[in-house]
Amino acid sequence: MHGAETLFGLARLGYTNDKGMPNLLQMAKFAREFSDVIQLRNPPPQVQKIIFALLALVARPLGYRATYPQLSRTINAPRDSGPDP
């Protein structure tokens, strides 16, 4: 599952604010999971690492996850078996 898929799914379900951002605990889980491909502009990266690690400790027992399989709409394209006879 991709990060964008998670954010769009949360937005579709109404779990984001007017700017399309999830709450801080959800963002902590998300930012840690996708830190290799997504960099938030603020706070600085080293501060993010510390803050999000602490927030993730709180978020996990409350049920927050970085991704949610039920938000995935990935459908594999059918395999092409060649031209029709």
N, C-alpha and C. Protein backbone atom coordinates (compact mmCIF):
# COMPACT_ATOMS: atom_id res chain seq x y z
N MET A 1 0.86 -1.17 0.00
CA MET A 1 0.00 0.00 0.00
C MET A 1 0.90 1.23 0.00
N HIS A 2 0.48 2.23 -0.68
CA HIS A 2 1.25 3.46 -0.81
C HIS A 2 0.73 4.51 0.15
N GLY A 3 1.61 5.46 0.48
CA GLY A 3 1.24 6.53 1.38
C GLY A 3 0.09 7.37 0.87
N ALA A 4 0.12 7.68 -0.42
CA ALA A 4 -0.95 8.50 -1.00
C ALA A 4 -2.29 7.79 -0.89
N GLU A 5 -2.27 6.50 -1.07
CA GLU A 5 -3.51 5.72 -0.97
C GLU A 5 -4.10 5.83 0.44
N THR A 6 -3.24 5.79 1.43
CA THR A 6 -3.69 5.92 2.81
C THR A 6 -4.28 7.30 3.06
N LEU A 7 -3.57 8.35 2.63
CA LEU A 7 -4.06 9.71 2.86
C LEU A 7 -5.38 9.96 2.13
N PHE A 8 -5.48 9.51 0.88
CA PHE A 8 -6.73 9.71 0.15
C PHE A 8 -7.88 8.92 0.78
N GLY A 9 -7.58 7.72 1.26
CA GLY A 9 -8.60 6.91 1.91
C GLY A 9 -9.10 7.56 3.19
N LEU A 10 -8.16 8.08 3.99
CA LEU A 10 -8.55 8.77 5.23
C LEU A 10 -9.39 10.01 4.92
N ALA A 11 -9.00 10.74 3.88
CA ALA A 11 -9.77 11.92 3.49
C ALA A 11 -11.17 11.54 3.02
N ARG A 12 -11.26 10.48 2.24
CA ARG A 12 -12.55 10.02 1.72
C ARG A 12 -13.50 9.67 2.87
N LEU A 13 -12.94 9.15 3.95
CA LEU A 13 -13.75 8.75 5.11
C LEU A 13 -13.97 9.90 6.10
N GLY A 14 -13.39 11.07 5.82
CA GLY A 14 -13.58 12.21 6.69
C GLY A 14 -12.64 12.29 7.87
N TYR A 15 -11.51 11.60 7.80
CA TYR A 15 -10.54 11.60 8.90
C TYR A 15 -9.40 12.57 8.68
N THR A 16 -9.63 13.62 7.92
CA THR A 16 -8.63 14.65 7.72
C THR A 16 -9.27 16.02 7.94
N ASN A 17 -8.41 17.03 8.12
CA ASN A 17 -8.92 18.38 8.32
C ASN A 17 -9.22 19.05 6.98
N ASP A 18 -9.50 20.33 6.99
CA ASP A 18 -9.84 21.06 5.77
C ASP A 18 -8.69 21.10 4.76
N LYS A 19 -7.47 20.91 5.25
CA LYS A 19 -6.30 20.91 4.36
C LYS A 19 -5.92 19.50 3.91
N GLY A 20 -6.71 18.51 4.30
CA GLY A 20 -6.43 17.13 3.91
C GLY A 20 -5.42 16.41 4.78
N MET A 21 -5.14 16.96 5.95
CA MET A 21 -4.16 16.36 6.85
C MET A 21 -4.85 15.58 7.97
N PRO A 22 -4.35 14.39 8.27
CA PRO A 22 -4.91 13.63 9.40
C PRO A 22 -4.48 14.25 10.73
N ASN A 23 -5.06 13.78 11.82
CA ASN A 23 -4.69 14.32 13.13
C ASN A 23 -3.24 13.96 13.46
N LEU A 24 -2.72 14.56 14.50
CA LEU A 24 -1.30 14.44 14.84
C LEU A 24 -0.87 13.01 15.12
N LEU A 25 -1.69 12.24 15.81
CA LEU A 25 -1.32 10.85 16.10
C LEU A 25 -1.28 10.01 14.82
N GLN A 26 -2.26 10.22 13.96
CA GLN A 26 -2.26 9.50 12.67
C GLN A 26 -1.05 9.92 11.85
N MET A 27 -0.75 11.21 11.84
CA MET A 27 0.39 11.71 11.07
C MET A 27 1.71 11.14 11.59
N ALA A 28 1.80 10.97 12.90
CA ALA A 28 3.03 10.40 13.47
C ALA A 28 3.27 8.99 12.94
N LYS A 29 2.24 8.16 12.91
CA LYS A 29 2.38 6.80 12.38
C LYS A 29 2.71 6.83 10.89
N PHE A 30 2.00 7.68 10.16
CA PHE A 30 2.19 7.79 8.72
C PHE A 30 3.60 8.29 8.38
N ALA A 31 4.02 9.36 9.02
CA ALA A 31 5.32 9.96 8.73
C ALA A 31 6.47 9.01 9.04
N ARG A 32 6.36 8.25 10.09
CA ARG A 32 7.42 7.28 10.41
C ARG A 32 7.48 6.17 9.37
N GLU A 33 6.34 5.67 8.96
CA GLU A 33 6.29 4.58 7.99
C GLU A 33 6.85 4.99 6.63
N PHE A 34 6.55 6.21 6.22
CA PHE A 34 6.93 6.65 4.88
C PHE A 34 8.04 7.69 4.88
N SER A 35 8.86 7.71 5.93
CA SER A 35 9.92 8.71 6.03
C SER A 35 10.97 8.58 4.93
N ASP A 36 11.04 7.43 4.28
CA ASP A 36 12.01 7.26 3.20
C ASP A 36 11.55 7.91 1.90
N VAL A 37 10.27 8.22 1.78
CA VAL A 37 9.76 8.82 0.54
C VAL A 37 9.03 10.14 0.76
N ILE A 38 8.66 10.44 1.99
CA ILE A 38 7.94 11.67 2.28
C ILE A 38 8.68 12.42 3.38
N GLN A 39 8.94 13.68 3.13
CA GLN A 39 9.60 14.53 4.12
C GLN A 39 8.69 15.72 4.39
N LEU A 40 8.26 15.86 5.62
CA LEU A 40 7.44 17.01 5.99
C LEU A 40 8.34 18.25 6.08
N ARG A 41 7.78 19.39 5.78
CA ARG A 41 8.57 20.63 5.76
C ARG A 41 8.93 21.12 7.15
N ASN A 42 8.03 20.94 8.10
CA ASN A 42 8.27 21.38 9.47
C ASN A 42 7.78 20.34 10.43
N PRO A 43 8.36 20.19 11.56
CA PRO A 43 9.62 20.74 12.04
C PRO A 43 10.81 20.10 11.32
N PRO A 44 12.04 20.51 11.65
CA PRO A 44 13.23 19.92 11.01
C PRO A 44 13.24 18.40 11.16
N PRO A 45 13.86 17.69 10.21
CA PRO A 45 13.85 16.22 10.20
C PRO A 45 14.26 15.55 11.52
N GLN A 46 15.29 16.05 12.19
CA GLN A 46 15.72 15.42 13.45
C GLN A 46 14.67 15.62 14.54
N VAL A 47 14.01 16.74 14.53
CA VAL A 47 12.96 17.01 15.51
C VAL A 47 11.75 16.12 15.20
N GLN A 48 11.41 15.99 13.91
CA GLN A 48 10.32 15.10 13.51
C GLN A 48 10.56 13.69 14.02
N LYS A 49 11.77 13.23 13.83
CA LYS A 49 12.11 11.85 14.21
C LYS A 49 11.81 11.60 15.70
N ILE A 50 12.21 12.53 16.53
CA ILE A 50 12.01 12.39 17.97
C ILE A 50 10.53 12.53 18.34
N ILE A 51 9.89 13.59 17.84
CA ILE A 51 8.49 13.84 18.18
C ILE A 51 7.59 12.71 17.69
N PHE A 52 7.78 12.31 16.44
CA PHE A 52 6.91 11.26 15.89
C PHE A 52 7.15 9.91 16.56
N ALA A 53 8.37 9.65 17.00
CA ALA A 53 8.63 8.40 17.73
C ALA A 53 7.84 8.38 19.04
N LEU A 54 7.83 9.51 19.74
CA LEU A 54 7.09 9.59 21.00
C LEU A 54 5.59 9.52 20.76
N LEU A 55 5.11 10.26 19.75
CA LEU A 55 3.68 10.23 19.45
C LEU A 55 3.23 8.85 18.97
N ALA A 56 4.07 8.15 18.24
CA ALA A 56 3.72 6.81 17.75
C ALA A 56 3.51 5.85 18.91
N LEU A 57 4.25 6.05 20.00
CA LEU A 57 4.07 5.21 21.18
C LEU A 57 2.67 5.38 21.77
N VAL A 58 2.13 6.58 21.68
CA VAL A 58 0.78 6.86 22.16
C VAL A 58 -0.26 6.38 21.14
N ALA A 59 0.05 6.59 19.85
CA ALA A 59 -0.91 6.29 18.78
C ALA A 59 -1.20 4.80 18.64
N ARG A 60 -0.19 3.98 18.79
CA ARG A 60 -0.37 2.54 18.56
C ARG A 60 -1.43 1.92 19.46
N PRO A 61 -1.37 2.11 20.78
CA PRO A 61 -2.40 1.50 21.62
C PRO A 61 -3.81 2.05 21.36
N LEU A 62 -3.88 3.23 20.75
CA LEU A 62 -5.18 3.82 20.43
C LEU A 62 -5.72 3.33 19.09
N GLY A 63 -4.95 2.47 18.41
CA GLY A 63 -5.43 1.86 17.18
C GLY A 63 -5.00 2.53 15.90
N TYR A 64 -4.18 3.56 16.00
CA TYR A 64 -3.70 4.22 14.78
C TYR A 64 -2.65 3.35 14.11
N ARG A 65 -2.71 3.32 12.78
CA ARG A 65 -1.75 2.55 11.98
C ARG A 65 -1.25 3.44 10.86
N ALA A 66 -0.13 3.05 10.27
CA ALA A 66 0.42 3.81 9.14
C ALA A 66 -0.38 3.54 7.87
N THR A 67 -0.86 2.34 7.73
CA THR A 67 -1.67 1.96 6.57
C THR A 67 -2.85 1.12 7.03
N TYR A 68 -3.87 1.09 6.21
CA TYR A 68 -5.08 0.33 6.52
C TYR A 68 -5.47 -0.47 5.28
N PRO A 69 -5.40 -1.80 5.34
CA PRO A 69 -5.73 -2.60 4.16
C PRO A 69 -7.11 -2.30 3.58
N GLN A 70 -8.06 -1.95 4.42
CA GLN A 70 -9.41 -1.68 3.93
C GLN A 70 -9.48 -0.42 3.08
N LEU A 71 -8.45 0.42 3.12
CA LEU A 71 -8.41 1.62 2.29
C LEU A 71 -7.81 1.36 0.91
N SER A 72 -7.24 0.20 0.74
CA SER A 72 -6.60 -0.12 -0.53
C SER A 72 -7.64 -0.43 -1.59
N ARG A 73 -7.47 0.20 -2.72
CA ARG A 73 -8.35 -0.08 -3.86
C ARG A 73 -7.53 -0.64 -5.02
N THR A 74 -6.39 -1.21 -4.68
CA THR A 74 -5.52 -1.76 -5.70
C THR A 74 -6.17 -2.96 -6.34
N ILE A 75 -6.29 -2.90 -7.63
CA ILE A 75 -6.85 -4.01 -8.39
C ILE A 75 -5.84 -4.37 -9.47
N ASN A 76 -5.46 -5.59 -9.50
CA ASN A 76 -4.50 -6.02 -10.50
C ASN A 76 -5.17 -6.08 -11.86
N ALA A 77 -4.48 -5.55 -12.86
CA ALA A 77 -5.00 -5.60 -14.22
C ALA A 77 -4.98 -7.05 -14.70
N PRO A 78 -5.95 -7.42 -15.51
CA PRO A 78 -5.94 -8.79 -16.03
C PRO A 78 -4.74 -9.01 -16.93
N ARG A 79 -4.23 -10.22 -16.87
CA ARG A 79 -3.08 -10.54 -17.72
C ARG A 79 -3.53 -10.69 -19.16
N ASP A 80 -2.71 -10.16 -20.02
CA ASP A 80 -2.99 -10.25 -21.45
C ASP A 80 -2.54 -11.62 -21.93
N SER A 81 -3.47 -12.39 -22.44
CA SER A 81 -3.12 -13.74 -22.93
C SER A 81 -2.82 -13.72 -24.41
N GLY A 82 -2.63 -12.55 -24.95
CA GLY A 82 -2.32 -12.45 -26.37
C GLY A 82 -3.55 -12.07 -27.16
N PRO A 83 -3.43 -12.00 -28.48
CA PRO A 83 -4.57 -11.62 -29.32
C PRO A 83 -5.66 -12.67 -29.27
N ASP A 84 -6.90 -12.17 -29.41
CA ASP A 84 -8.04 -13.08 -29.44
C ASP A 84 -7.95 -13.94 -30.70
N PRO A 85 -8.31 -15.24 -30.57
CA PRO A 85 -8.25 -16.11 -31.75
C PRO A 85 -9.28 -15.77 -32.79
